[in-house]
């Protein structure tokens, strides 16, 4: 017979009233067990695990390795319920200079709570400090692998993570320059029902 701290074999043989108290204690211990597998509530627009890591070449040559507290995030449905849009922004340095960069990923085929491989993705990189932007012309050159999309304790809000990769440079629509990206590893929050 299994013994519990403070409960001896003798006490387990006492009248039913004592046994009822023990049963009540055991029921309370079981009820306080592990919660169901739901992601913990994330704080802030990026969550406590928010990050974005990549390397840029060409017109914007820099290494980006933003960790929690270093970036701003926004995730919401795209217009007409066509997938989702994720935005990550932060400070990047190039030599002795720094500038505010923003990455925007439009994933038309992404569904609420679902993962997916090779999802066609529109990618835009904005140098907000210089007023320049670089973008895909279609969804034929960049894709996303969404590895996780886990609901948090806040309704409609999901912790999302994955990789974006591009086979061609992002062109500057108003110029002749371009930017190439290494794999972009990201984690942030996506609210499928943002406030209006």
Protein backbone atom coordinates (compact mmCIF):
# COMPACT_ATOMS: atom_id res chain seq x y z
CA UNK A 1 0.00 0.00 0.00
CA UNK A 2 1.38 3.41 -0.93
CA UNK A 3 2.01 5.74 1.99
CA UNK A 4 1.65 9.52 1.87
CA UNK A 5 3.53 11.96 4.11
CA UNK A 6 1.74 12.24 7.45
CA UNK A 7 -0.55 9.26 6.74
CA UNK A 8 0.59 6.00 8.35
CA UNK A 9 -0.68 2.45 7.70
CA UNK A 10 -2.50 2.55 11.03
CA UNK A 11 -4.33 5.77 10.24
CA UNK A 12 -5.50 4.26 6.95
CA UNK A 13 -7.30 1.53 8.93
CA UNK A 14 -9.25 4.00 11.08
CA UNK A 15 -13.01 4.54 10.68
CA UNK A 16 -14.56 5.60 7.38
CA UNK A 17 -14.73 9.25 8.41
CA UNK A 18 -10.93 9.49 8.45
CA UNK A 19 -10.79 7.60 5.14
CA UNK A 20 -13.16 10.15 3.59
CA UNK A 21 -10.84 12.96 4.62
CA UNK A 22 -7.88 11.18 3.01
CA UNK A 23 -9.89 10.62 -0.19
CA UNK A 24 -10.80 14.31 -0.27
CA UNK A 25 -7.13 15.28 0.08
CA UNK A 26 -6.10 12.94 -2.74
CA UNK A 27 -8.86 14.31 -4.99
CA UNK A 28 -7.60 17.84 -4.31
CA UNK A 29 -4.02 16.86 -5.23
CA UNK A 30 -5.17 15.30 -8.53
CA UNK A 31 -7.33 18.33 -9.35
CA UNK A 32 -4.28 20.58 -8.94
CA UNK A 33 -2.26 18.60 -11.49
CA UNK A 34 -0.84 19.85 -14.77
CA UNK A 35 -3.13 22.13 -16.82
CA UNK A 36 -4.16 21.14 -20.35
CA UNK A 37 -1.51 21.68 -23.05
CA UNK A 38 -2.20 25.32 -23.96
CA UNK A 39 0.62 27.81 -24.52
CA UNK A 40 1.16 30.13 -21.59
CA UNK A 41 -0.21 33.65 -21.85
CA UNK A 42 2.29 35.79 -23.68
CA UNK A 43 2.92 39.38 -22.68
CA UNK A 44 3.55 42.17 -25.16
CA UNK A 45 2.98 42.21 -28.89
CA UNK A 46 5.84 39.75 -29.54
CA UNK A 47 5.39 37.41 -26.60
CA UNK A 48 8.14 36.42 -24.20
CA UNK A 49 9.79 34.29 -26.91
CA UNK A 50 9.55 36.81 -29.76
CA UNK A 51 12.54 36.86 -32.08
CA UNK A 52 13.72 37.34 -35.64
CA UNK A 53 17.05 36.23 -37.03
CA UNK A 54 18.45 36.64 -40.55
CA UNK A 55 21.25 38.17 -42.58
CA UNK A 56 20.78 40.76 -45.36
CA UNK A 57 23.03 41.29 -48.37
CA UNK A 58 23.12 43.92 -51.08
CA UNK A 59 21.59 47.35 -50.49
CA UNK A 60 20.96 46.59 -46.80
CA UNK A 61 23.96 44.61 -45.60
CA UNK A 62 23.47 43.72 -41.94
CA UNK A 63 22.96 40.90 -39.47
CA UNK A 64 19.63 40.88 -37.61
CA UNK A 65 19.31 38.92 -34.38
CA UNK A 66 16.42 40.47 -32.46
CA UNK A 67 15.49 38.88 -29.15
CA UNK A 68 12.58 39.59 -26.75
CA UNK A 69 12.52 43.26 -25.82
CA UNK A 70 14.41 44.29 -28.98
CA UNK A 71 11.62 44.12 -31.52
CA UNK A 72 8.03 45.12 -32.20
CA UNK A 73 5.54 42.62 -33.62
CA UNK A 74 2.12 42.67 -35.17
CA UNK A 75 0.19 39.70 -36.53
CA UNK A 76 -3.31 39.81 -37.99
CA UNK A 77 -5.52 38.36 -40.74
CA UNK A 78 -4.99 39.66 -44.26
CA UNK A 79 -7.93 41.41 -45.99
CA UNK A 80 -10.85 39.24 -47.16
CA UNK A 81 -9.75 36.43 -44.82
CA UNK A 82 -6.86 35.50 -47.11
CA UNK A 83 -4.32 34.12 -44.67
CA UNK A 84 -2.29 36.28 -42.30
CA UNK A 85 0.23 39.11 -42.21
CA UNK A 86 3.16 39.23 -39.78
CA UNK A 87 5.26 42.33 -39.10
CA UNK A 88 8.55 42.45 -37.17
CA UNK A 89 10.52 45.66 -36.60
CA UNK A 90 13.61 46.72 -34.71
CA UNK A 91 16.96 48.50 -34.85
CA UNK A 92 19.67 47.15 -37.14
CA UNK A 93 23.28 48.35 -37.32
CA UNK A 94 25.49 48.72 -40.37
CA UNK A 95 29.00 49.66 -39.34
CA UNK A 96 28.65 52.67 -37.07
CA UNK A 97 25.17 53.53 -38.31
CA UNK A 98 21.83 52.18 -37.14
CA UNK A 99 18.40 52.24 -38.71
CA UNK A 100 14.87 50.98 -38.06
CA UNK A 101 14.04 47.96 -40.24
CA UNK A 102 10.69 46.26 -40.67
CA UNK A 103 9.95 42.83 -42.14
CA UNK A 104 6.45 42.07 -43.42
CA UNK A 105 5.38 38.55 -44.38
CA UNK A 106 2.06 38.01 -46.15
CA UNK A 107 1.06 34.33 -46.12
CA UNK A 108 -2.21 33.92 -48.08
CA UNK A 109 -2.58 30.16 -47.51
CA UNK A 110 -2.02 30.20 -43.74
CA UNK A 111 -5.01 28.96 -41.71
CA UNK A 112 -5.85 29.62 -38.09
CA UNK A 113 -4.12 27.14 -35.78
CA UNK A 114 -2.50 25.23 -38.67
CA UNK A 115 1.12 24.64 -39.62
CA UNK A 116 2.37 24.22 -43.17
CA UNK A 117 5.36 23.76 -45.45
CA UNK A 118 6.34 25.78 -48.52
CA UNK A 119 3.52 28.30 -48.12
CA UNK A 120 3.87 31.02 -50.82
CA UNK A 121 4.79 34.28 -49.10
CA UNK A 122 4.99 37.95 -50.02
CA UNK A 123 8.04 39.50 -48.35
CA UNK A 124 8.74 43.21 -47.85
CA UNK A 125 11.73 44.73 -46.07
CA UNK A 126 11.47 48.42 -45.18
CA UNK A 127 14.36 50.67 -44.20
CA UNK A 128 12.19 53.06 -42.23
CA UNK A 129 15.14 55.31 -41.39
CA UNK A 130 15.84 55.94 -45.09
CA UNK A 131 12.32 55.60 -46.48
CA UNK A 132 13.30 52.72 -48.79
CA UNK A 133 11.60 49.38 -49.26
CA UNK A 134 12.31 46.12 -51.07
CA UNK A 135 9.67 43.59 -51.96
CA UNK A 136 8.76 40.44 -53.87
CA UNK A 137 6.80 41.06 -57.03
CA UNK A 138 4.72 37.89 -56.52
CA UNK A 139 4.56 34.81 -54.30
CA UNK A 140 6.72 32.79 -56.71
CA UNK A 141 10.08 33.40 -55.05
CA UNK A 142 9.56 33.23 -51.27
CA UNK A 143 7.97 30.59 -49.07
CA UNK A 144 7.29 29.98 -45.39
CA UNK A 145 7.51 26.86 -43.26
CA UNK A 146 5.23 27.49 -40.27
CA UNK A 147 6.45 25.00 -37.66
CA UNK A 148 4.11 25.93 -34.80
CA UNK A 149 0.90 27.87 -34.25
CA UNK A 150 -0.23 27.29 -30.67
CA UNK A 151 -3.21 29.00 -29.04
CA UNK A 152 -2.40 31.03 -25.94
CA UNK A 153 -4.64 31.72 -22.98
CA UNK A 154 -5.89 34.84 -24.77
CA UNK A 155 -8.72 33.98 -27.16
CA UNK A 156 -7.80 34.03 -30.87
CA UNK A 157 -4.13 34.78 -30.12
CA UNK A 158 -1.54 32.25 -31.26
CA UNK A 159 2.19 31.86 -30.71
CA UNK A 160 3.61 31.33 -34.20
CA UNK A 161 7.09 30.36 -35.33
CA UNK A 162 8.74 29.29 -38.54
CA UNK A 163 11.19 30.06 -41.33
CA UNK A 164 10.89 32.29 -44.40
CA UNK A 165 13.24 31.68 -47.32
CA UNK A 166 13.59 33.38 -50.71
CA UNK A 167 15.16 32.07 -53.92
CA UNK A 168 15.47 35.52 -55.51
CA UNK A 169 16.43 39.01 -54.28
CA UNK A 170 13.81 41.52 -53.19
CA UNK A 171 13.71 44.37 -55.69
CA UNK A 172 13.50 48.08 -54.85
CA UNK A 173 10.41 49.23 -56.84
CA UNK A 174 11.58 52.86 -56.93
CA UNK A 175 15.23 52.16 -57.61
CA UNK A 176 17.75 49.74 -59.10
CA UNK A 177 18.95 48.10 -55.90
CA UNK A 178 17.92 44.84 -54.28
CA UNK A 179 18.26 42.92 -51.04
CA UNK A 180 18.95 39.22 -50.55
CA UNK A 181 17.94 37.38 -47.40
CA UNK A 182 19.31 34.31 -45.70
CA UNK A 183 16.69 32.12 -44.01
CA UNK A 184 14.54 34.23 -41.70
CA UNK A 185 13.78 32.49 -38.40
CA UNK A 186 10.88 34.11 -36.55
CA UNK A 187 8.67 33.73 -33.48
CA UNK A 188 5.85 36.12 -32.59
CA UNK A 189 2.16 36.44 -31.89
CA UNK A 190 -0.69 36.28 -34.37
CA UNK A 191 -4.12 37.58 -33.36
CA UNK A 192 -6.74 36.09 -35.68
CA UNK A 193 -9.39 38.42 -34.27
CA UNK A 194 -7.70 41.77 -33.65
CA UNK A 195 -9.71 44.62 -32.09
CA UNK A 196 -11.42 46.88 -34.63
